[in-house]
Amino acid sequence: MKIQINDTNYSYYKKICEIIWSHYKTLFPPEMLHDDSDPVAILNKWEQKSKSIAKRGLKAGLQDLVSNIKEFPPNLKRSIDKDLAANNLPSLRDLQGVVEKTIARVLNRRKINSLEEFYIVKEEVIDQTTDMVDDVRVCWVNYLQNLKFQKARKTTYSIARVETNVRLSDRILRRA
C-alpha cells in the first residue's frame, strides 16, 4: 500500500486521518486543542480553498501521524486499530508498512527520488529510537544535508548530490 491521494480516494484517507487524530488528540490537555491546531479542521478549511492543497496537506499530515505511531502507547494503538477495523480501513501496522517499504526501497537503490522519500528517510534518521546503526545514521545525516533538489520537470524531482561525502556515503551504505 502506497499513499497516493487523489480525488477518488481522498475521503478514504481523510477518514483514516480523522480516526487516528480522534484518538491521538486524547493525549493532549484540552487547553492545547484548538481549531488552528486540529488537522481535520485545517483540512476542512483547505478543502474550501483548494482541493489540491487539501490533498497535499492530507498526505503530509497522514505521513506525520504514521511516522509517530511507534511512539503511541499500546492501549492507544489498540483503540485506533479497533476503530480502523470497524470502518474497513487498514491497520496501523499496514500504514507503518508504507514507511518501512519506502525506507527499504531507498536503501536498496541508494537514492532518494522525491520529496516524500526525503522526509520519510529524514524522520527515520532523526528518530534516535530506531534500530539504525550509528555509522549508518551519520552517513544518512551527511547525505541528507548535502542533497540539492533540482526540479527536473513539473512534477518530478531529480537529486544531485554535492560531491563532498559522496564516497563516504556510498561506502557506508554498501555495508548497511
Protein backbone atom coordinates (compact mmCIF):
# COMPACT_ATOMS: atom_id res chain seq x y z
CA MET A 1 0.00 0.00 0.00
CA LYS A 2 1.43 3.36 -1.02
CA ILE A 3 -0.15 6.62 -0.01
CA GLN A 4 -1.24 8.20 -3.28
CA ILE A 5 -4.03 10.67 -2.62
CA ASN A 6 -6.28 11.70 -5.49
CA ASP A 7 -9.88 12.85 -5.96
CA THR A 8 -11.29 9.32 -5.83
CA ASN A 9 -9.56 8.15 -2.63
CA TYR A 10 -9.31 11.47 -0.77
CA SER A 11 -12.27 10.71 1.53
CA TYR A 12 -10.83 7.23 2.28
CA TYR A 13 -7.52 8.66 3.52
CA LYS A 14 -9.24 11.55 5.24
CA LYS A 15 -11.30 9.04 7.24
CA ILE A 16 -8.07 7.28 8.30
CA CYS A 17 -6.63 10.63 9.39
CA GLU A 18 -9.83 11.55 11.27
CA ILE A 19 -9.82 8.26 13.17
CA ILE A 20 -6.14 8.43 14.12
CA TRP A 21 -6.44 12.08 15.15
CA SER A 22 -9.62 11.48 17.18
CA HIS A 23 -7.68 9.04 19.35
CA TYR A 24 -4.29 10.78 19.27
CA LYS A 25 -5.65 14.11 20.49
CA THR A 26 -6.69 12.46 23.76
CA LEU A 27 -3.00 12.53 24.72
CA PHE A 28 -3.04 16.35 24.82
CA PRO A 29 -4.50 18.60 27.52
CA PRO A 30 -7.78 20.23 26.36
CA GLU A 31 -6.31 23.73 26.57
CA MET A 32 -3.83 22.80 23.81
CA LEU A 33 -6.54 21.71 21.38
CA HIS A 34 -7.83 24.46 19.10
CA ASP A 35 -9.20 24.56 15.57
CA ASP A 36 -5.96 26.10 14.35
CA SER A 37 -4.05 23.02 15.55
CA ASP A 38 -6.64 20.40 14.59
CA PRO A 39 -5.53 18.74 11.32
CA VAL A 40 -9.09 17.75 10.39
CA ALA A 41 -10.38 21.30 10.87
CA ILE A 42 -7.45 22.61 8.85
CA LEU A 43 -8.19 20.11 6.06
CA ASN A 44 -11.82 21.22 6.01
CA LYS A 45 -10.71 24.83 5.54
CA TRP A 46 -8.25 23.87 2.82
CA GLU A 47 -10.95 21.90 1.00
CA GLN A 48 -12.94 25.11 0.70
CA LYS A 49 -9.93 26.98 -0.74
CA SER A 50 -8.29 24.34 -2.93
CA LYS A 51 -8.74 20.60 -3.21
CA SER A 52 -5.16 20.33 -4.48
CA ILE A 53 -3.78 21.96 -1.32
CA ALA A 54 -6.03 19.74 0.80
CA LYS A 55 -4.73 16.58 -0.92
CA ARG A 56 -1.11 17.57 -0.38
CA GLY A 57 -1.83 18.55 3.22
CA LEU A 58 -3.64 15.29 3.91
CA LYS A 59 -0.74 13.28 2.51
CA ALA A 60 1.83 15.18 4.59
CA GLY A 61 -0.31 15.05 7.73
CA LEU A 62 -1.05 11.36 7.37
CA GLN A 63 2.64 10.61 6.86
CA ASP A 64 3.45 12.57 10.03
CA LEU A 65 0.83 10.66 12.02
CA VAL A 66 2.07 7.33 10.64
CA SER A 67 5.68 8.18 11.48
CA ASN A 68 4.59 8.86 15.08
CA ILE A 69 2.71 5.56 15.51
CA LYS A 70 5.69 3.81 17.11
CA GLU A 71 5.56 6.36 19.93
CA PHE A 72 1.86 5.79 20.67
CA PRO A 73 1.02 3.97 23.92
CA PRO A 74 -0.09 0.35 23.31
CA ASN A 75 -3.66 0.99 24.51
CA LEU A 76 -3.98 3.91 22.07
CA LYS A 77 -2.74 1.73 19.20
CA ARG A 78 -5.30 -0.94 20.09
CA SER A 79 -8.19 1.53 20.19
CA ILE A 80 -7.16 3.10 16.87
CA ASP A 81 -6.82 -0.32 15.24
CA LYS A 82 -10.23 -1.34 16.56
CA ASP A 83 -11.80 1.82 15.11
CA LEU A 84 -9.98 1.42 11.78
CA ALA A 85 -11.10 -2.22 11.51
CA ALA A 86 -14.71 -1.23 12.30
CA ASN A 87 -14.55 1.11 9.30
CA ASN A 88 -12.87 -1.46 7.00
CA LEU A 89 -9.68 0.59 6.86
CA PRO A 90 -6.04 -0.59 7.02
CA SER A 91 -4.47 -1.27 10.40
CA LEU A 92 -1.69 0.82 11.93
CA ARG A 93 0.72 -1.98 11.03
CA ASP A 94 -0.32 -1.73 7.38
CA LEU A 95 0.12 2.03 7.46
CA GLN A 96 3.56 1.71 9.07
CA GLY A 97 4.47 -0.79 6.35
CA VAL A 98 4.25 2.05 3.82
CA VAL A 99 7.02 3.90 5.62
CA GLU A 100 9.14 0.78 6.12
CA LYS A 101 8.83 -0.20 2.44
CA THR A 102 9.79 3.30 1.34
CA ILE A 103 12.90 3.24 3.52
CA ALA A 104 13.83 -0.22 2.22
CA ARG A 105 13.44 0.94 -1.41
CA VAL A 106 15.63 3.98 -0.79
CA LEU A 107 18.31 1.85 0.90
CA ASN A 108 18.27 -0.68 -1.94
CA ARG A 109 18.64 1.89 -4.69
CA ARG A 110 20.85 4.20 -2.57
CA LYS A 111 19.00 7.18 -3.95
CA ILE A 112 16.14 9.42 -2.85
CA ASN A 113 13.78 10.14 -5.73
CA SER A 114 11.21 12.50 -4.26
CA LEU A 115 10.50 14.97 -1.51
CA GLU A 116 8.17 12.39 0.02
CA GLU A 117 11.02 9.88 0.27
CA PHE A 118 13.34 12.59 1.58
CA TYR A 119 11.03 13.40 4.50
CA ILE A 120 10.33 9.74 5.30
CA VAL A 121 14.06 8.96 5.43
CA LYS A 122 14.75 12.16 7.38
CA GLU A 123 12.17 11.17 10.03
CA GLU A 124 13.79 7.75 10.34
CA VAL A 125 17.28 9.21 10.65
CA ILE A 126 16.43 11.80 13.30
CA ASP A 127 14.44 9.28 15.36
CA GLN A 128 17.04 8.08 17.85
CA THR A 129 14.83 5.15 18.92
CA THR A 130 15.14 3.31 15.59
CA ASP A 131 17.41 0.30 15.13
CA MET A 132 19.66 2.19 12.73
CA VAL A 133 23.38 1.59 13.33
CA ASP A 134 25.22 4.78 14.37
CA ASP A 135 27.65 4.92 11.43
CA VAL A 136 24.76 4.42 9.00
CA ARG A 137 22.83 7.18 10.78
CA VAL A 138 25.84 9.53 10.46
CA CYS A 139 26.12 8.63 6.78
CA TRP A 140 22.45 9.40 6.18
CA VAL A 141 22.70 12.69 8.07
CA ASN A 142 25.61 13.73 5.84
CA TYR A 143 23.80 12.52 2.74
CA LEU A 144 20.59 14.38 3.59
CA GLN A 145 22.46 17.57 4.44
CA ASN A 146 24.25 17.52 1.12
CA LEU A 147 21.30 16.96 -1.18
CA LYS A 148 20.24 19.56 -3.66
CA PHE A 149 16.79 19.10 -5.12
CA GLN A 150 16.60 20.17 -8.69
CA LYS A 151 13.20 20.41 -10.26
CA ALA A 152 13.60 18.38 -13.43
CA ARG A 153 10.05 18.54 -14.72
CA LYS A 154 6.80 19.94 -13.49
CA THR A 155 6.00 17.08 -11.10
CA THR A 156 9.23 15.12 -10.63
CA TYR A 157 12.40 15.90 -8.73
CA SER A 158 15.86 14.68 -9.51
CA ILE A 159 18.53 14.82 -6.88
CA ALA A 160 22.07 15.98 -7.42
CA ARG A 161 24.45 15.18 -4.59
CA VAL A 162 27.12 17.61 -3.57
CA GLU A 163 30.43 15.85 -4.22
CA THR A 164 31.64 16.07 -0.62
CA ASN A 165 30.78 12.98 1.42
CA VAL A 166 29.60 11.05 -1.66
CA ARG A 167 32.34 8.43 -1.48
CA LEU A 168 31.95 8.07 2.29
CA SER A 169 28.18 7.80 2.00
CA ASP A 170 28.34 5.16 -0.73
CA ARG A 171 30.93 3.13 1.17
CA ILE A 172 28.91 3.13 4.41
CA LEU A 173 25.64 2.44 2.57
CA ARG A 174 27.15 -0.63 0.90
CA ARG A 175 27.90 -2.03 4.38
CA ALA A 176 24.34 -1.39 5.57
